[in-house]
Amino acid sequence: MDSSQRKWLFISVGFSLLVLVIILYFTINENTLTYIKEINPLFLLLAFMTHILTMCFWAWRVQKMTGSLGYRIGFFYSLTLVFANLLAAAITPAQAGGEPVRIHELYKADVPLGDATAIVIMERVLDGIALAALAAFSMLVLTDQWKSLGAVSEVMVYVTWIFVAGCIFLFYLAVRRPDTVKRVVNWCTLLLTKTWENKRVEALLAREDKEIENFQGATIRFVHTAKGGLLWGMLFTLLYWVSEIITASFILVGLGQPPLILESFVIQLILAILMMMPLTPGSSGIAEVGATSMYALFIPASIVGIFVVIWRSPLFPDLNPYHGEQQSLCTYDAGEMRSPGSVCRIQRCDDRTAGHPC
């Protein structure tokens, strides 16, 4: 990891820790100790296991989508790939830095670069479709839970509907009218980069056009030749998000609170959509503040801070930058090609120089 990556890692982690400390400062009181004594470790362990299962769903998604294009990777290699992308995701806005890492890892597993790009692009597309579908379902069926959020719901209903409609509309345009998307994106880019050097603007415009073409090509490739991969991908995407949402309910029960399954469903969807917006590196601070403000409507203030800390704890692998760093160091340290299906062992990187394969 170079100095720039470390800087953004420290900024992201430091900002999250600062926000958590502020939340604890304003929520801990004399009643907090009473609630802590009622903690049920069994449900906290269950929350941890559910979260591990969430990572497995992601790994199965990558494995099945890769297999549908005719390439085989092992489950544990896919799981290592998932963990390896977490560090980059934790230090980039909208968690977008994980995509290049996953493309690189698939390429190292002998998946051609174009197909690896198509797989990762379609992962993002499926995430957007799944979140849009779940959000639409929750707003139509769970109206009481949305209203229970008070003033927050009025804003988030509009944000979520815009998100849902935007995902569907952009998906249609990018596949059927890519030239229109290019013109709109280029116009917005020129508007926002008036003070940039011409060479830098031209490079950005070329990259944007290429990404739009990649998106269209990936969609057509999967629709025409890998429909099974799309079906498996959507199944595991839905399982991933449902499992992620349920994890919060298990933590609540572990803290002696009601599971708030339906309320958590709505809140976690809102947080997931907010965390996809490029506001801060790794969406640090957004999740903490959002979860605190919304869950405080349903559980005592003296325990909400503890809940948010556990929910964003390093106990959970995909929120642990150190875990992601270890995976990245082990993944990238060697210049050699890793064979498909292999597993990168977590070991000291100086052992790698002694000839130990990854």
Protein backbone atom coordinates (compact mmCIF):
# COMPACT_ATOMS: atom_id res chain seq x y z
CA MET A 1 0.00 0.00 0.00
CA ASP A 2 1.47 3.35 -1.03
CA SER A 3 1.46 6.52 1.06
CA SER A 4 -1.58 7.98 -0.73
CA GLN A 5 -3.67 4.88 0.01
CA ARG A 6 -2.56 4.90 3.64
CA LYS A 7 -3.50 8.57 3.91
CA TRP A 8 -7.04 7.95 2.66
CA LEU A 9 -7.32 4.86 4.84
CA PHE A 10 -6.39 6.86 7.93
CA ILE A 11 -8.80 9.65 6.93
CA SER A 12 -11.68 7.21 6.40
CA VAL A 13 -11.07 5.17 9.56
CA GLY A 14 -10.22 8.23 11.64
CA PHE A 15 -13.36 10.07 10.59
CA SER A 16 -15.54 7.02 11.36
CA LEU A 17 -13.92 6.62 14.78
CA LEU A 18 -14.37 10.33 15.52
CA VAL A 19 -18.05 10.14 14.63
CA LEU A 20 -18.51 7.02 16.78
CA VAL A 21 -16.81 8.70 19.75
CA ILE A 22 -19.09 11.74 19.38
CA ILE A 23 -22.15 9.46 19.18
CA LEU A 24 -21.10 7.59 22.32
CA TYR A 25 -20.42 10.87 24.14
CA PHE A 26 -23.95 12.12 23.52
CA THR A 27 -25.79 8.80 24.06
CA ILE A 28 -24.10 7.07 27.00
CA ASN A 29 -25.71 7.83 30.37
CA GLU A 30 -26.43 6.13 33.70
CA ASN A 31 -28.89 3.71 32.04
CA THR A 32 -26.37 2.41 29.52
CA LEU A 33 -24.71 0.05 32.03
CA THR A 34 -28.09 -1.49 32.81
CA TYR A 35 -28.67 -2.25 29.13
CA ILE A 36 -25.13 -3.62 28.72
CA LYS A 37 -25.81 -6.14 31.52
CA GLU A 38 -28.75 -7.47 29.45
CA ILE A 39 -26.60 -8.22 26.38
CA ASN A 40 -27.18 -11.69 24.92
CA PRO A 41 -23.87 -12.86 23.39
CA LEU A 42 -25.64 -15.65 21.50
CA PHE A 43 -27.53 -13.21 19.27
CA LEU A 44 -24.43 -11.08 18.77
CA LEU A 45 -22.63 -14.23 17.62
CA LEU A 46 -25.58 -15.00 15.37
CA ALA A 47 -25.30 -11.49 13.91
CA PHE A 48 -21.62 -12.10 13.23
CA MET A 49 -22.32 -15.43 11.54
CA THR A 50 -25.09 -13.86 9.45
CA HIS A 51 -22.68 -11.22 8.32
CA ILE A 52 -20.11 -13.85 7.33
CA LEU A 53 -22.91 -15.52 5.36
CA THR A 54 -23.49 -12.18 3.64
CA MET A 55 -19.89 -12.24 2.40
CA CYS A 56 -20.39 -15.81 1.22
CA PHE A 57 -23.42 -14.75 -0.84
CA TRP A 58 -21.25 -12.12 -2.50
CA ALA A 59 -18.55 -14.71 -3.20
CA TRP A 60 -21.09 -17.14 -4.68
CA ARG A 61 -22.42 -14.35 -6.89
CA VAL A 62 -18.97 -13.69 -8.34
CA GLN A 63 -18.32 -17.42 -8.76
CA LYS A 64 -21.61 -18.13 -10.55
CA MET A 65 -21.43 -15.08 -12.82
CA THR A 66 -17.86 -15.95 -13.76
CA GLY A 67 -18.84 -19.57 -14.43
CA SER A 68 -21.69 -18.48 -16.71
CA LEU A 69 -19.10 -16.93 -19.04
CA GLY A 70 -17.13 -20.17 -19.17
CA TYR A 71 -14.46 -19.54 -16.52
CA ARG A 72 -14.01 -21.47 -13.28
CA ILE A 73 -12.85 -20.00 -10.00
CA GLY A 74 -13.04 -21.69 -6.61
CA PHE A 75 -15.36 -20.48 -3.87
CA PHE A 76 -12.52 -19.64 -1.48
CA TYR A 77 -10.69 -17.73 -4.19
CA SER A 78 -13.89 -15.78 -4.80
CA LEU A 79 -14.25 -15.14 -1.06
CA THR A 80 -10.67 -13.88 -0.90
CA LEU A 81 -11.45 -11.62 -3.86
CA VAL A 82 -14.40 -10.16 -1.94
CA PHE A 83 -12.28 -9.41 1.11
CA ALA A 84 -9.44 -8.01 -1.01
CA ASN A 85 -11.69 -5.29 -2.44
CA LEU A 86 -12.82 -4.06 0.97
CA LEU A 87 -9.81 -1.87 1.66
CA ALA A 88 -10.15 0.08 -1.59
CA ALA A 89 -13.90 0.38 -1.03
CA ALA A 90 -13.30 1.74 2.47
CA ILE A 91 -11.22 4.69 1.25
CA THR A 92 -13.12 5.80 -1.87
CA PRO A 93 -16.40 7.74 -2.23
CA ALA A 94 -19.45 5.55 -2.93
CA GLN A 95 -17.13 2.61 -2.14
CA ALA A 96 -16.26 2.58 -5.84
CA GLY A 97 -12.62 1.60 -5.35
CA GLY A 98 -13.48 -2.05 -4.86
CA GLU A 99 -14.42 -2.60 -8.52
CA PRO A 100 -10.88 -2.25 -9.98
CA VAL A 101 -9.59 -4.62 -7.31
CA ARG A 102 -12.17 -7.28 -8.21
CA ILE A 103 -11.40 -6.87 -11.92
CA HIS A 104 -7.70 -7.30 -11.16
CA GLU A 105 -8.32 -10.41 -9.09
CA LEU A 106 -10.50 -12.01 -11.78
CA TYR A 107 -7.84 -11.22 -14.36
CA LYS A 108 -5.25 -12.95 -12.18
CA ALA A 109 -7.53 -16.00 -12.20
CA ASP A 110 -7.19 -16.17 -16.03
CA VAL A 111 -10.44 -14.35 -16.77
CA PRO A 112 -9.87 -12.01 -19.77
CA LEU A 113 -9.90 -8.35 -18.84
CA GLY A 114 -13.01 -7.56 -20.89
CA ASP A 115 -15.02 -10.38 -19.30
CA ALA A 116 -13.74 -9.50 -15.82
CA THR A 117 -14.90 -5.92 -16.38
CA ALA A 118 -18.29 -7.15 -17.60
CA ILE A 119 -18.75 -9.29 -14.47
CA VAL A 120 -17.93 -6.45 -12.08
CA ILE A 121 -20.07 -3.93 -13.97
CA MET A 122 -23.03 -6.31 -13.88
CA GLU A 123 -22.50 -6.76 -10.13
CA ARG A 124 -23.05 -3.02 -9.69
CA VAL A 125 -26.07 -3.13 -11.98
CA LEU A 126 -27.61 -6.02 -10.03
CA ASP A 127 -26.99 -4.16 -6.75
CA GLY A 128 -28.82 -1.15 -8.13
CA ILE A 129 -31.73 -3.23 -9.43
CA ALA A 130 -32.02 -5.18 -6.16
CA LEU A 131 -31.95 -2.03 -4.02
CA ALA A 132 -34.44 -0.33 -6.31
CA ALA A 133 -36.79 -3.34 -6.17
CA LEU A 134 -36.50 -3.70 -2.38
CA ALA A 135 -37.01 0.05 -1.92
CA ALA A 136 -40.08 0.06 -4.14
CA PHE A 137 -41.46 -2.99 -2.30
CA SER A 138 -40.87 -1.41 1.11
CA MET A 139 -42.52 1.87 0.13
CA LEU A 140 -45.59 0.11 -1.24
CA VAL A 141 -45.98 -2.51 1.52
CA LEU A 142 -44.27 -1.00 4.58
CA THR A 143 -45.89 2.43 4.49
CA ASP A 144 -46.45 2.52 8.27
CA GLN A 145 -42.75 1.89 8.88
CA TRP A 146 -41.82 4.71 6.51
CA LYS A 147 -44.21 7.08 8.28
CA SER A 148 -42.78 6.08 11.66
CA LEU A 149 -39.52 7.74 10.67
CA GLY A 150 -41.26 11.10 10.86
CA ALA A 151 -39.70 14.01 9.01
CA VAL A 152 -36.84 11.80 7.84
CA SER A 153 -39.25 9.68 5.83
CA GLU A 154 -40.64 12.64 3.90
CA VAL A 155 -37.21 13.45 2.52
CA MET A 156 -36.09 9.85 2.05
CA VAL A 157 -39.28 8.83 0.22
CA TYR A 158 -38.45 11.36 -2.47
CA VAL A 159 -34.75 10.42 -2.48
CA THR A 160 -35.58 6.72 -2.76
CA TRP A 161 -38.15 7.19 -5.52
CA ILE A 162 -35.66 9.32 -7.44
CA PHE A 163 -33.06 6.60 -6.92
CA VAL A 164 -35.44 3.87 -8.12
CA ALA A 165 -36.63 5.81 -11.16
CA GLY A 166 -33.10 6.97 -11.93
CA CYS A 167 -31.68 3.43 -11.86
CA ILE A 168 -34.35 2.14 -14.22
CA PHE A 169 -34.10 5.11 -16.59
CA LEU A 170 -30.30 5.14 -16.70
CA PHE A 171 -30.20 1.38 -17.21
CA TYR A 172 -32.54 1.74 -20.20
CA LEU A 173 -30.60 4.65 -21.70
CA ALA A 174 -27.19 3.06 -21.20
CA VAL A 175 -28.28 -0.12 -23.00
CA ARG A 176 -30.60 1.27 -25.69
CA ARG A 177 -29.34 4.84 -26.12
CA PRO A 178 -25.64 4.94 -25.14
CA ASP A 179 -24.96 7.93 -27.42
CA THR A 180 -27.56 9.96 -25.53
CA VAL A 181 -25.93 9.04 -22.21
CA LYS A 182 -22.52 10.01 -23.59
CA ARG A 183 -23.79 13.44 -24.67
CA VAL A 184 -25.40 14.12 -21.29
CA VAL A 185 -22.38 12.91 -19.33
CA ASN A 186 -19.99 14.88 -21.53
CA TRP A 187 -22.09 18.04 -21.10
CA CYS A 188 -22.11 17.64 -17.31
CA THR A 189 -18.37 16.97 -17.29
CA LEU A 190 -17.59 20.07 -19.34
CA LEU A 191 -19.82 22.13 -17.06
CA LEU A 192 -18.07 20.92 -13.91
CA THR A 193 -14.48 21.04 -15.21
CA LYS A 194 -14.25 24.53 -16.68
CA THR A 195 -11.14 25.28 -14.62
CA TRP A 196 -9.32 22.04 -15.56
CA GLU A 197 -6.57 21.71 -18.14
CA ASN A 198 -7.77 20.61 -21.60
CA LYS A 199 -5.67 17.44 -21.56
CA ARG A 200 -7.12 16.37 -18.23
CA VAL A 201 -10.70 17.03 -19.41
CA GLU A 202 -10.14 15.10 -22.64
CA ALA A 203 -8.77 12.12 -20.71
CA LEU A 204 -11.81 12.14 -18.42
CA LEU A 205 -14.23 12.36 -21.36
CA ALA A 206 -12.51 9.44 -23.09
CA ARG A 207 -12.67 7.37 -19.91
CA GLU A 208 -16.38 8.15 -19.46
CA ASP A 209 -17.17 7.11 -23.04
CA LYS A 210 -15.25 3.88 -22.56
CA GLU A 211 -17.08 3.05 -19.33
CA ILE A 212 -20.47 3.63 -20.99
CA GLU A 213 -19.46 1.33 -23.83
CA ASN A 214 -18.23 -1.27 -21.31
CA PHE A 215 -21.58 -1.10 -19.52
CA GLN A 216 -23.53 -1.64 -22.70
CA GLY A 217 -21.24 -4.46 -23.83
CA ALA A 218 -21.44 -6.20 -20.45
CA THR A 219 -25.23 -6.06 -20.41
CA ILE A 220 -25.55 -7.40 -23.95
CA ARG A 221 -23.01 -10.13 -23.27
CA PHE A 222 -24.86 -11.41 -20.21
CA VAL A 223 -28.34 -11.09 -21.75
CA HIS A 224 -27.34 -12.94 -24.93
CA THR A 225 -24.90 -15.60 -23.72
CA ALA A 226 -25.03 -15.82 -19.91
CA LYS A 227 -28.64 -15.52 -18.78
CA GLY A 228 -28.01 -18.16 -16.11
CA GLY A 229 -25.31 -15.95 -14.63
CA LEU A 230 -27.74 -13.06 -14.39
CA LEU A 231 -30.34 -15.23 -12.64
CA TRP A 232 -27.82 -16.61 -10.15
CA GLY A 233 -26.37 -13.13 -9.72
CA MET A 234 -29.76 -11.61 -8.92
CA LEU A 235 -30.61 -14.42 -6.49
CA PHE A 236 -27.38 -14.00 -4.53
CA THR A 237 -27.67 -10.20 -4.72
CA LEU A 238 -31.10 -10.33 -3.07
CA LEU A 239 -29.84 -12.82 -0.48
CA TYR A 240 -26.85 -10.56 0.18
CA TRP A 241 -28.97 -7.48 0.91
CA VAL A 242 -31.61 -9.34 2.92
CA SER A 243 -28.88 -10.97 5.02
CA GLU A 244 -27.19 -7.61 5.53
CA ILE A 245 -30.47 -6.08 6.68
CA ILE A 246 -31.29 -8.96 9.07
CA THR A 247 -27.90 -8.60 10.76
CA ALA A 248 -29.02 -5.34 12.39
CA SER A 249 -32.09 -7.05 13.87
CA PHE A 250 -29.94 -9.76 15.46
CA ILE A 251 -27.74 -7.08 17.05
CA LEU A 252 -30.82 -5.36 18.46
CA VAL A 253 -32.05 -8.61 20.03
CA GLY A 254 -28.55 -9.21 21.38
CA LEU A 255 -28.80 -5.84 23.15
CA GLY A 256 -32.14 -6.75 24.71
CA GLN A 257 -34.20 -4.68 22.29
CA PRO A 258 -37.06 -5.71 19.99
CA PRO A 259 -35.83 -6.91 16.57
CA LEU A 260 -37.61 -4.14 14.67
CA ILE A 261 -37.43 -6.31 11.56
CA LEU A 262 -39.68 -4.17 9.37
CA GLU A 263 -38.28 -0.88 10.65
CA SER A 264 -34.72 -2.17 10.18
CA PHE A 265 -35.63 -3.23 6.66
CA VAL A 266 -36.58 0.35 5.79
CA ILE A 267 -33.68 1.95 7.67
CA GLN A 268 -31.05 -0.35 6.19
CA LEU A 269 -32.36 0.30 2.69
CA ILE A 270 -32.11 4.04 3.26
CA LEU A 271 -28.57 3.67 4.60
CA ALA A 272 -27.56 1.42 1.69
CA ILE A 273 -28.75 4.03 -0.80
CA LEU A 274 -27.04 6.86 1.09
CA MET A 275 -23.78 4.91 1.23
CA MET A 276 -23.79 4.51 -2.56
CA MET A 277 -23.61 8.29 -2.95
CA PRO A 278 -20.07 9.73 -3.33
CA LEU A 279 -20.14 11.96 -0.26
CA THR A 280 -17.19 10.79 1.89
CA PRO A 281 -14.39 8.19 1.55
CA GLY A 282 -15.96 4.78 2.13
CA SER A 283 -19.14 6.59 3.21
CA SER A 284 -17.49 6.99 6.61
CA GLY A 285 -19.61 8.99 9.03
CA ILE A 286 -22.74 8.79 6.88
CA ALA A 287 -23.72 5.32 8.05
CA GLU A 288 -23.02 6.15 11.71
CA VAL A 289 -24.97 9.40 11.79
CA GLY A 290 -27.81 7.99 9.68
CA ALA A 291 -28.20 4.87 11.79
CA THR A 292 -28.08 6.84 15.04
CA SER A 293 -30.70 9.37 13.96
CA MET A 294 -33.16 6.76 12.66
CA TYR A 295 -32.75 3.97 15.21
CA ALA A 296 -33.01 6.53 18.02
CA LEU A 297 -36.69 6.82 17.06
CA PHE A 298 -37.29 3.21 18.14
CA ILE A 299 -34.77 2.28 20.85
CA PRO A 300 -33.61 4.14 23.98
CA ALA A 301 -30.97 6.80 23.38
CA SER A 302 -28.76 5.26 26.08
CA ILE A 303 -28.27 2.09 24.01
CA VAL A 304 -28.39 3.43 20.44
CA GLY A 305 -24.73 4.45 20.54
CA ILE A 306 -23.68 0.97 21.66
CA PHE A 307 -25.78 -0.51 18.86
CA VAL A 308 -24.14 1.67 16.21
CA VAL A 309 -20.64 0.87 17.51
CA ILE A 310 -21.31 -2.88 17.35
CA TRP A 311 -22.94 -2.55 13.94
CA ARG A 312 -19.89 -0.66 12.62
CA SER A 313 -17.42 -2.68 14.66
CA PRO A 314 -14.20 -4.22 13.29
CA LEU A 315 -15.80 -7.49 14.42
CA PHE A 316 -17.52 -7.54 11.04
CA PRO A 317 -15.05 -8.27 8.22
CA ASP A 318 -16.36 -5.95 5.50
CA LEU A 319 -16.17 -2.96 7.85
CA ASN A 320 -12.65 -3.79 8.99
CA PRO A 321 -10.05 -1.91 6.93
CA TYR A 322 -7.19 -3.77 8.68
CA HIS A 323 -8.62 -7.09 7.51
CA GLY A 324 -8.93 -5.71 3.98
CA GLU A 325 -5.37 -4.40 4.12
CA GLN A 326 -3.99 -7.81 5.05
CA GLN A 327 -5.88 -9.36 2.15
CA SER A 328 -4.64 -6.66 -0.24
CA LEU A 329 -1.03 -6.95 0.86
CA CYS A 330 -1.08 -10.70 0.41
CA THR A 331 -2.95 -10.43 -2.89
CA TYR A 332 -0.80 -7.84 -4.56
CA ASP A 333 2.64 -8.49 -3.19
CA ALA A 334 3.62 -11.10 -5.75
CA GLY A 335 3.97 -10.48 -9.43
CA GLU A 336 3.22 -14.07 -10.29
CA MET A 337 -0.12 -15.26 -11.66
CA ARG A 338 -2.29 -17.11 -9.19
CA SER A 339 -3.96 -20.25 -10.48
CA PRO A 340 -7.78 -20.37 -10.67
CA GLY A 341 -9.37 -21.68 -7.53
CA SER A 342 -6.36 -21.08 -5.34
CA VAL A 343 -6.62 -19.38 -1.97
CA CYS A 344 -4.39 -16.58 -0.80
CA ARG A 345 -3.14 -17.61 2.62
CA ILE A 346 -2.89 -14.91 5.24
CA GLN A 347 0.77 -14.93 6.10
CA ARG A 348 3.64 -12.53 6.66
CA CYS A 349 4.55 -10.91 3.35
CA ASP A 350 8.25 -11.41 4.00
CA ASP A 351 7.52 -15.16 3.88
CA ARG A 352 6.37 -14.63 0.29
CA THR A 353 9.87 -13.52 -0.71
CA ALA A 354 11.23 -16.82 0.57
CA GLY A 355 9.37 -18.64 -2.15
CA HIS A 356 6.08 -19.39 -0.43
CA PRO A 357 3.36 -19.32 -3.08
CA CYS A 358 0.06 -17.55 -2.68
